[in-house]
């Protein structure tokens, strides 16, 4: 998905005249919206799963308060990869 986002961004800044350039902008906006929507869905589902499962399995784990904590956890895990 990130590859498609980058490709759409490159297509938008290229100097292609006509309707092909407008399609590049549409692809870029669609890719950005899809990426944001995917992050939001993952955060909401992650919060639900974390609060329902993790505190019951591990006593040292507390429930998360908001979806931002789940997004931060996703970023931390991706950095450690």
PDB file of N, CA and C in Angstrom:
ATOM      1  N   UNK A   1       0.829  -1.181   0.000  1.00  0.00           N
ATOM      2  CA  UNK A   1       0.000   0.000   0.000  1.00  0.00           C
ATOM      3  C   UNK A   1       0.875   1.248   0.000  1.00  0.00           C
ATOM      4  N   UNK A   2       1.923   1.243   0.768  1.00  0.00           N
ATOM      5  CA  UNK A   2       2.812   2.401   0.804  1.00  0.00           C
ATOM      6  C   UNK A   2       3.493   2.608  -0.547  1.00  0.00           C
ATOM      7  N   UNK A   3       3.758   1.508  -1.224  1.00  0.00           N
ATOM      8  CA  UNK A   3       4.350   1.599  -2.563  1.00  0.00           C
ATOM      9  C   UNK A   3       3.386   2.290  -3.526  1.00  0.00           C
ATOM     10  N   UNK A   4       2.106   1.944  -3.444  1.00  0.00           N
ATOM     11  CA  UNK A   4       1.109   2.599  -4.292  1.00  0.00           C
ATOM     12  C   UNK A   4       1.006   4.083  -3.963  1.00  0.00           C
ATOM     13  N   UNK A   5       1.110   4.425  -2.681  1.00  0.00           N
ATOM     14  CA  UNK A   5       1.066   5.830  -2.266  1.00  0.00           C
ATOM     15  C   UNK A   5       2.239   6.602  -2.867  1.00  0.00           C
ATOM     16  N   UNK A   6       3.405   6.041  -2.803  1.00  0.00           N
ATOM     17  CA  UNK A   6       4.580   6.709  -3.368  1.00  0.00           C
ATOM     18  C   UNK A   6       4.473   6.830  -4.889  1.00  0.00           C
ATOM     19  N   UNK A   7       4.004   5.787  -5.539  1.00  0.00           N
ATOM     20  CA  UNK A   7       3.845   5.823  -6.985  1.00  0.00           C
ATOM     21  C   UNK A   7       2.849   6.902  -7.399  1.00  0.00           C
ATOM     22  N   UNK A   8       1.768   7.003  -6.658  1.00  0.00           N
ATOM     23  CA  UNK A   8       0.778   8.035  -6.964  1.00  0.00           C
ATOM     24  C   UNK A   8       1.355   9.429  -6.740  1.00  0.00           C
ATOM     25  N   UNK A   9       2.165   9.599  -5.710  1.00  0.00           N
ATOM     26  CA  UNK A   9       2.794  10.890  -5.467  1.00  0.00           C
ATOM     27  C   UNK A   9       3.758  11.281  -6.565  1.00  0.00           C
ATOM     28  N   UNK A  10       4.502  10.324  -7.059  1.00  0.00           N
ATOM     29  CA  UNK A  10       5.434  10.603  -8.153  1.00  0.00           C
ATOM     30  C   UNK A  10       4.670  10.936  -9.426  1.00  0.00           C
ATOM     31  N   UNK A  11       3.582  10.230  -9.664  1.00  0.00           N
ATOM     32  CA  UNK A  11       2.769  10.522 -10.849  1.00  0.00           C
ATOM     33  C   UNK A  11       2.189  11.926 -10.788  1.00  0.00           C
ATOM     34  N   UNK A  12       1.837  12.380  -9.599  1.00  0.00           N
ATOM     35  CA  UNK A  12       1.229  13.709  -9.464  1.00  0.00           C
ATOM     36  C   UNK A  12       2.210  14.829  -9.745  1.00  0.00           C
ATOM     37  N   UNK A  13       3.445  14.670  -9.358  1.00  0.00           N
ATOM     38  CA  UNK A  13       4.397  15.757  -9.561  1.00  0.00           C
ATOM     39  C   UNK A  13       5.075  15.690 -10.918  1.00  0.00           C
ATOM     40  N   UNK A  14       4.825  14.632 -11.665  1.00  0.00           N
ATOM     41  CA  UNK A  14       5.409  14.565 -13.003  1.00  0.00           C
ATOM     42  C   UNK A  14       4.677  15.531 -13.927  1.00  0.00           C
ATOM     43  N   UNK A  15       5.340  15.917 -14.972  1.00  0.00           N
ATOM     44  CA  UNK A  15       4.791  16.926 -15.874  1.00  0.00           C
ATOM     45  C   UNK A  15       4.046  16.270 -17.028  1.00  0.00           C
ATOM     46  N   UNK A  16       2.988  15.546 -16.705  1.00  0.00           N
ATOM     47  CA  UNK A  16       2.174  14.918 -17.737  1.00  0.00           C
ATOM     48  C   UNK A  16       0.931  15.773 -17.931  1.00  0.00           C
ATOM     49  N   UNK A  17       0.762  16.368 -19.093  1.00  0.00           N
ATOM     50  CA  UNK A  17      -0.420  17.204 -19.307  1.00  0.00           C
ATOM     51  C   UNK A  17      -1.665  16.356 -19.568  1.00  0.00           C
ATOM     52  N   UNK A  18      -2.816  16.950 -19.301  1.00  0.00           N
ATOM     53  CA  UNK A  18      -4.086  16.310 -19.647  1.00  0.00           C
ATOM     54  C   UNK A  18      -4.714  15.549 -18.503  1.00  0.00           C
ATOM     55  N   UNK A  19      -5.663  14.682 -18.838  1.00  0.00           N
ATOM     56  CA  UNK A  19      -6.445  13.975 -17.813  1.00  0.00           C
ATOM     57  C   UNK A  19      -5.641  12.942 -17.030  1.00  0.00           C
ATOM     58  N   UNK A  20      -4.505  12.521 -17.569  1.00  0.00           N
ATOM     59  CA  UNK A  20      -3.694  11.539 -16.845  1.00  0.00           C
ATOM     60  C   UNK A  20      -3.141  12.128 -15.548  1.00  0.00           C
ATOM     61  N   UNK A  21      -2.877  13.446 -15.546  1.00  0.00           N
ATOM     62  CA  UNK A  21      -2.366  14.082 -14.336  1.00  0.00           C
ATOM     63  C   UNK A  21      -3.457  14.137 -13.268  1.00  0.00           C
ATOM     64  N   UNK A  22      -4.707  14.383 -13.661  1.00  0.00           N
ATOM     65  CA  UNK A  22      -5.805  14.400 -12.697  1.00  0.00           C
ATOM     66  C   UNK A  22      -6.021  13.028 -12.087  1.00  0.00           C
ATOM     67  N   UNK A  23      -5.818  11.976 -12.856  1.00  0.00           N
ATOM     68  CA  UNK A  23      -5.952  10.626 -12.321  1.00  0.00           C
ATOM     69  C   UNK A  23      -4.883  10.366 -11.267  1.00  0.00           C
ATOM     70  N   UNK A  24      -3.698  10.977 -11.438  1.00  0.00           N
ATOM     71  CA  UNK A  24      -2.639  10.825 -10.444  1.00  0.00           C
ATOM     72  C   UNK A  24      -3.040  11.431  -9.112  1.00  0.00           C
ATOM     73  N   UNK A  25      -3.687  12.603  -9.172  1.00  0.00           N
ATOM     74  CA  UNK A  25      -4.157  13.218  -7.936  1.00  0.00           C
ATOM     75  C   UNK A  25      -5.235  12.368  -7.278  1.00  0.00           C
ATOM     76  N   UNK A  26      -6.100  11.806  -8.068  1.00  0.00           N
ATOM     77  CA  UNK A  26      -7.145  10.942  -7.522  1.00  0.00           C
ATOM     78  C   UNK A  26      -6.543   9.704  -6.873  1.00  0.00           C
ATOM     79  N   UNK A  27      -5.525   9.139  -7.505  1.00  0.00           N
ATOM     80  CA  UNK A  27      -4.861   7.971  -6.929  1.00  0.00           C
ATOM     81  C   UNK A  27      -4.164   8.322  -5.626  1.00  0.00           C
ATOM     82  N   UNK A  28      -3.533   9.503  -5.579  1.00  0.00           N
ATOM     83  CA  UNK A  28      -2.844   9.929  -4.364  1.00  0.00           C
ATOM     84  C   UNK A  28      -3.824  10.127  -3.217  1.00  0.00           C
ATOM     85  N   UNK A  29      -4.899  10.822  -3.481  1.00  0.00           N
ATOM     86  CA  UNK A  29      -5.897  11.066  -2.433  1.00  0.00           C
ATOM     87  C   UNK A  29      -6.523   9.749  -1.985  1.00  0.00           C
ATOM     88  N   UNK A  30      -6.815   8.865  -2.933  1.00  0.00           N
ATOM     89  CA  UNK A  30      -7.392   7.571  -2.582  1.00  0.00           C
ATOM     90  C   UNK A  30      -6.424   6.749  -1.735  1.00  0.00           C
ATOM     91  N   UNK A  31      -5.150   6.793  -2.060  1.00  0.00           N
ATOM     92  CA  UNK A  31      -4.162   6.039  -1.291  1.00  0.00           C
ATOM     93  C   UNK A  31      -4.012   6.589   0.120  1.00  0.00           C
ATOM     94  N   UNK A  32      -3.996   7.913   0.247  1.00  0.00           N
ATOM     95  CA  UNK A  32      -3.871   8.521   1.577  1.00  0.00           C
ATOM     96  C   UNK A  32      -5.093   8.200   2.431  1.00  0.00           C
ATOM     97  N   UNK A  33      -6.275   8.318   1.849  1.00  0.00           N
ATOM     98  CA  UNK A  33      -7.492   8.000   2.599  1.00  0.00           C
ATOM     99  C   UNK A  33      -7.550   6.530   2.987  1.00  0.00           C
ATOM    100  N   UNK A  34      -7.132   5.645   2.089  1.00  0.00           N
ATOM    101  CA  UNK A  34      -7.122   4.215   2.409  1.00  0.00           C
ATOM    102  C   UNK A  34      -6.141   3.918   3.533  1.00  0.00           C
ATOM    103  N   UNK A  35      -4.992   4.581   3.510  1.00  0.00           N
ATOM    104  CA  UNK A  35      -3.990   4.375   4.556  1.00  0.00           C
ATOM    105  C   UNK A  35      -4.513   4.848   5.915  1.00  0.00           C
ATOM    106  N   UNK A  36      -5.109   6.037   5.939  1.00  0.00           N
ATOM    107  CA  UNK A  36      -5.650   6.576   7.191  1.00  0.00           C
ATOM    108  C   UNK A  36      -6.787   5.702   7.704  1.00  0.00           C
ATOM    109  N   UNK A  37      -7.658   5.269   6.797  1.00  0.00           N
ATOM    110  CA  UNK A  37      -8.767   4.412   7.198  1.00  0.00           C
ATOM    111  C   UNK A  37      -8.278   3.080   7.751  1.00  0.00           C
ATOM    112  N   UNK A  38      -7.242   2.514   7.132  1.00  0.00           N
ATOM    113  CA  UNK A  38      -6.679   1.256   7.624  1.00  0.00           C
ATOM    114  C   UNK A  38      -6.091   1.429   9.024  1.00  0.00           C
ATOM    115  N   UNK A  39      -5.396   2.531   9.273  1.00  0.00           N
ATOM    116  CA  UNK A  39      -4.819   2.785  10.599  1.00  0.00           C
ATOM    117  C   UNK A  39      -5.923   2.932  11.640  1.00  0.00           C
ATOM    118  N   UNK A  40      -6.995   3.642  11.294  1.00  0.00           N
ATOM    119  CA  UNK A  40      -8.101   3.834  12.232  1.00  0.00           C
ATOM    120  C   UNK A  40      -8.775   2.502  12.558  1.00  0.00           C
ATOM    121  N   UNK A  41      -9.015   1.687  11.543  1.00  0.00           N
ATOM    122  CA  UNK A  41      -9.655   0.391  11.775  1.00  0.00           C
ATOM    123  C   UNK A  41      -8.764  -0.508  12.626  1.00  0.00           C
ATOM    124  N   UNK A  42      -7.477  -0.539  12.331  1.00  0.00           N
ATOM    125  CA  UNK A  42      -6.548  -1.347  13.122  1.00  0.00           C
ATOM    126  C   UNK A  42      -6.506  -0.861  14.563  1.00  0.00           C
ATOM    127  N   UNK A  43      -6.531   0.455  14.776  1.00  0.00           N
ATOM    128  CA  UNK A  43      -6.485   0.997  16.133  1.00  0.00           C
ATOM    129  C   UNK A  43      -7.745   0.639  16.919  1.00  0.00           C
ATOM    130  N   UNK A  44      -8.903   0.737  16.284  1.00  0.00           N
ATOM    131  CA  UNK A  44     -10.153   0.419  16.987  1.00  0.00           C
ATOM    132  C   UNK A  44     -10.232  -1.066  17.314  1.00  0.00           C
ATOM    133  N   UNK A  45      -9.910  -1.918  16.343  1.00  0.00           N
ATOM    134  CA  UNK A  45      -9.936  -3.360  16.591  1.00  0.00           C
ATOM    135  C   UNK A  45      -8.854  -3.739  17.594  1.00  0.00           C
ATOM    136  N   UNK A  46      -7.678  -3.123  17.489  1.00  0.00           N
ATOM    137  CA  UNK A  46      -6.594  -3.407  18.434  1.00  0.00           C
ATOM    138  C   UNK A  46      -6.955  -3.018  19.856  1.00  0.00           C
ATOM    139  N   UNK A  47      -7.630  -1.882  20.020  1.00  0.00           N
ATOM    140  CA  UNK A  47      -8.056  -1.466  21.356  1.00  0.00           C
ATOM    141  C   UNK A  47      -9.066  -2.453  21.935  1.00  0.00           C
ATOM    142  N   UNK A  48     -10.008  -2.870  21.118  1.00  0.00           N
ATOM    143  CA  UNK A  48     -11.015  -3.827  21.572  1.00  0.00           C
ATOM    144  C   UNK A  48     -10.373  -5.148  21.981  1.00  0.00           C
ATOM    145  N   UNK A  49      -9.487  -5.666  21.132  1.00  0.00           N
ATOM    146  CA  UNK A  49      -8.834  -6.942  21.437  1.00  0.00           C
ATOM    147  C   UNK A  49      -7.929  -6.805  22.659  1.00  0.00           C
ATOM    148  N   UNK A  50      -7.181  -5.696  22.733  1.00  0.00           N
ATOM    149  CA  UNK A  50      -6.286  -5.498  23.874  1.00  0.00           C
ATOM    150  C   UNK A  50      -7.074  -5.452  25.180  1.00  0.00           C
ATOM    151  N   UNK A  51      -8.148  -4.674  25.206  1.00  0.00           N
ATOM    152  CA  UNK A  51      -8.910  -4.518  26.447  1.00  0.00           C
ATOM    153  C   UNK A  51      -9.680  -5.771  26.822  1.00  0.00           C
ATOM    154  N   UNK A  52     -10.049  -6.598  25.875  1.00  0.00           N
ATOM    155  CA  UNK A  52     -10.811  -7.800  26.180  1.00  0.00           C
ATOM    156  C   UNK A  52      -9.934  -8.997  26.506  1.00  0.00           C
ATOM    157  N   UNK A  53      -8.754  -9.079  25.928  1.00  0.00           N
ATOM    158  CA  UNK A  53      -7.950 -10.287  26.054  1.00  0.00           C
ATOM    159  C   UNK A  53      -6.733 -10.109  26.965  1.00  0.00           C
ATOM    160  N   UNK A  54      -5.940  -9.101  26.719  1.00  0.00           N
ATOM    161  CA  UNK A  54      -4.654  -8.977  27.402  1.00  0.00           C
ATOM    162  C   UNK A  54      -4.756  -8.847  28.921  1.00  0.00           C
ATOM    163  N   UNK A  55      -5.624  -8.009  29.477  1.00  0.00           N
ATOM    164  CA  UNK A  55      -5.688  -7.924  30.945  1.00  0.00           C
ATOM    165  C   UNK A  55      -6.141  -9.224  31.618  1.00  0.00           C
ATOM    166  N   UNK A  56      -6.904 -10.026  30.901  1.00  0.00           N
ATOM    167  CA  UNK A  56      -7.346 -11.298  31.471  1.00  0.00           C
ATOM    168  C   UNK A  56      -6.245 -12.349  31.451  1.00  0.00           C
ATOM    169  N   UNK A  57      -5.351 -12.263  30.476  1.00  0.00           N
ATOM    170  CA  UNK A  57      -4.272 -13.239  30.369  1.00  0.00           C
ATOM    171  C   UNK A  57      -3.048 -12.866  31.203  1.00  0.00           C
ATOM    172  N   UNK A  58      -2.729 -11.580  31.259  1.00  0.00           N
ATOM    173  CA  UNK A  58      -1.536 -11.126  31.964  1.00  0.00           C
ATOM    174  C   UNK A  58      -1.941 -10.088  33.000  1.00  0.00           C
ATOM    175  N   UNK A  59      -1.548 -10.299  34.244  1.00  0.00           N
ATOM    176  CA  UNK A  59      -1.957  -9.394  35.315  1.00  0.00           C
ATOM    177  C   UNK A  59      -1.192  -8.074  35.295  1.00  0.00           C
ATOM    178  N   UNK A  60      -0.047  -8.021  34.633  1.00  0.00           N
ATOM    179  CA  UNK A  60       0.748  -6.789  34.600  1.00  0.00           C
ATOM    180  C   UNK A  60       0.285  -5.823  33.511  1.00  0.00           C
ATOM    181  N   UNK A  61      -0.642  -6.233  32.680  1.00  0.00           N
ATOM    182  CA  UNK A  61      -1.110  -5.414  31.568  1.00  0.00           C
ATOM    183  C   UNK A  61      -2.394  -4.698  31.970  1.00  0.00           C
ATOM    184  N   UNK A  62      -2.424  -3.394  31.725  1.00  0.00           N
ATOM    185  CA  UNK A  62      -3.627  -2.600  31.990  1.00  0.00           C
ATOM    186  C   UNK A  62      -4.360  -2.303  30.690  1.00  0.00           C
ATOM    187  N   UNK A  63      -5.662  -2.063  30.756  1.00  0.00           N
ATOM    188  CA  UNK A  63      -6.400  -1.698  29.539  1.00  0.00           C
ATOM    189  C   UNK A  63      -5.930  -0.344  28.995  1.00  0.00           C
ATOM    190  N   UNK A  64      -6.006  -0.188  27.682  1.00  0.00           N
ATOM    191  CA  UNK A  64      -5.637   1.084  27.065  1.00  0.00           C
ATOM    192  C   UNK A  64      -6.798   2.058  27.194  1.00  0.00           C
ATOM    193  N   UNK A  65      -6.484   3.341  27.228  1.00  0.00           N
ATOM    194  CA  UNK A  65      -7.507   4.370  27.408  1.00  0.00           C
ATOM    195  C   UNK A  65      -8.048   4.894  26.079  1.00  0.00           C
ATOM    196  N   UNK A  66      -7.193   4.960  25.043  1.00  0.00           N
ATOM    197  CA  UNK A  66      -7.645   5.487  23.754  1.00  0.00           C
ATOM    198  C   UNK A  66      -6.911   4.777  22.627  1.00  0.00           C
ATOM    199  N   UNK A  67      -7.364   5.032  21.421  1.00  0.00           N
ATOM    200  CA  UNK A  67      -6.778   4.386  20.241  1.00  0.00           C
ATOM    201  C   UNK A  67      -5.384   4.916  19.933  1.00  0.00           C
ATOM    202  N   UNK A  68      -5.056   6.096  20.418  1.00  0.00           N
ATOM    203  CA  UNK A  68      -3.723   6.651  20.203  1.00  0.00           C
ATOM    204  C   UNK A  68      -2.633   5.801  20.827  1.00  0.00           C
ATOM    205  N   UNK A  69      -2.942   5.174  21.942  1.00  0.00           N
ATOM    206  CA  UNK A  69      -1.969   4.290  22.575  1.00  0.00           C
ATOM    207  C   UNK A  69      -1.703   3.064  21.706  1.00  0.00           C
ATOM    208  N   UNK A  70      -2.729   2.571  21.053  1.00  0.00           N
ATOM    209  CA  UNK A  70      -2.554   1.427  20.162  1.00  0.00           C
ATOM    210  C   UNK A  70      -1.722   1.837  18.941  1.00  0.00           C
ATOM    211  N   UNK A  71      -1.972   3.029  18.403  1.00  0.00           N
ATOM    212  CA  UNK A  71      -1.181   3.513  17.273  1.00  0.00           C
ATOM    213  C   UNK A  71       0.278   3.690  17.693  1.00  0.00           C
ATOM    214  N   UNK A  72       0.502   4.209  18.880  1.00  0.00           N
ATOM    215  CA  UNK A  72       1.871   4.329  19.403  1.00  0.00           C
ATOM    216  C   UNK A  72       2.533   2.975  19.563  1.00  0.00           C
ATOM    217  N   UNK A  73       1.784   1.976  20.008  1.00  0.00           N
ATOM    218  CA  UNK A  73       2.320   0.627  20.142  1.00  0.00           C
ATOM    219  C   UNK A  73       2.662   0.056  18.768  1.00  0.00           C
ATOM    220  N   UNK A  74       1.828   0.325  17.780  1.00  0.00           N
ATOM    221  CA  UNK A  74       2.123  -0.134  16.413  1.00  0.00           C
ATOM    222  C   UNK A  74       3.411   0.488  15.881  1.00  0.00           C
ATOM    223  N   UNK A  75       3.601   1.774  16.146  1.00  0.00           N
ATOM    224  CA  UNK A  75       4.807   2.463  15.699  1.00  0.00           C
ATOM    225  C   UNK A  75       6.028   1.890  16.418  1.00  0.00           C
ATOM    226  N   UNK A  76       5.904   1.643  17.713  1.00  0.00           N
ATOM    227  CA  UNK A  76       7.026   1.087  18.487  1.00  0.00           C
ATOM    228  C   UNK A  76       7.406  -0.290  17.974  1.00  0.00           C
ATOM    229  N   UNK A  77       6.428  -1.134  17.707  1.00  0.00           N
ATOM    230  CA  UNK A  77       6.708  -2.482  17.197  1.00  0.00           C
ATOM    231  C   UNK A  77       7.343  -2.404  15.820  1.00  0.00           C
ATOM    232  N   UNK A  78       6.882  -1.495  14.978  1.00  0.00           N
ATOM    233  CA  UNK A  78       7.470  -1.378  13.637  1.00  0.00           C
ATOM    234  C   UNK A  78       8.907  -0.849  13.697  1.00  0.00           C
ATOM    235  N   UNK A  79       9.223  -0.030  14.693  1.00  0.00           N
ATOM    236  CA  UNK A  79      10.606   0.449  14.850  1.00  0.00           C
ATOM    237  C   UNK A  79      11.512  -0.699  15.265  1.00  0.00           C
ATOM    238  N   UNK A  80      11.040  -1.574  16.145  1.00  0.00           N
ATOM    239  CA  UNK A  80      11.854  -2.678  16.618  1.00  0.00           C
ATOM    240  C   UNK A  80      12.042  -3.781  15.563  1.00  0.00           C
ATOM    241  N   UNK A  81      11.223  -3.775  14.529  1.00  0.00           N
ATOM    242  CA  UNK A  81      11.372  -4.789  13.485  1.00  0.00           C
ATOM    243  C   UNK A  81      12.581  -4.535  12.708  1.00  0.00           C
TER     244      UNK A  81
END
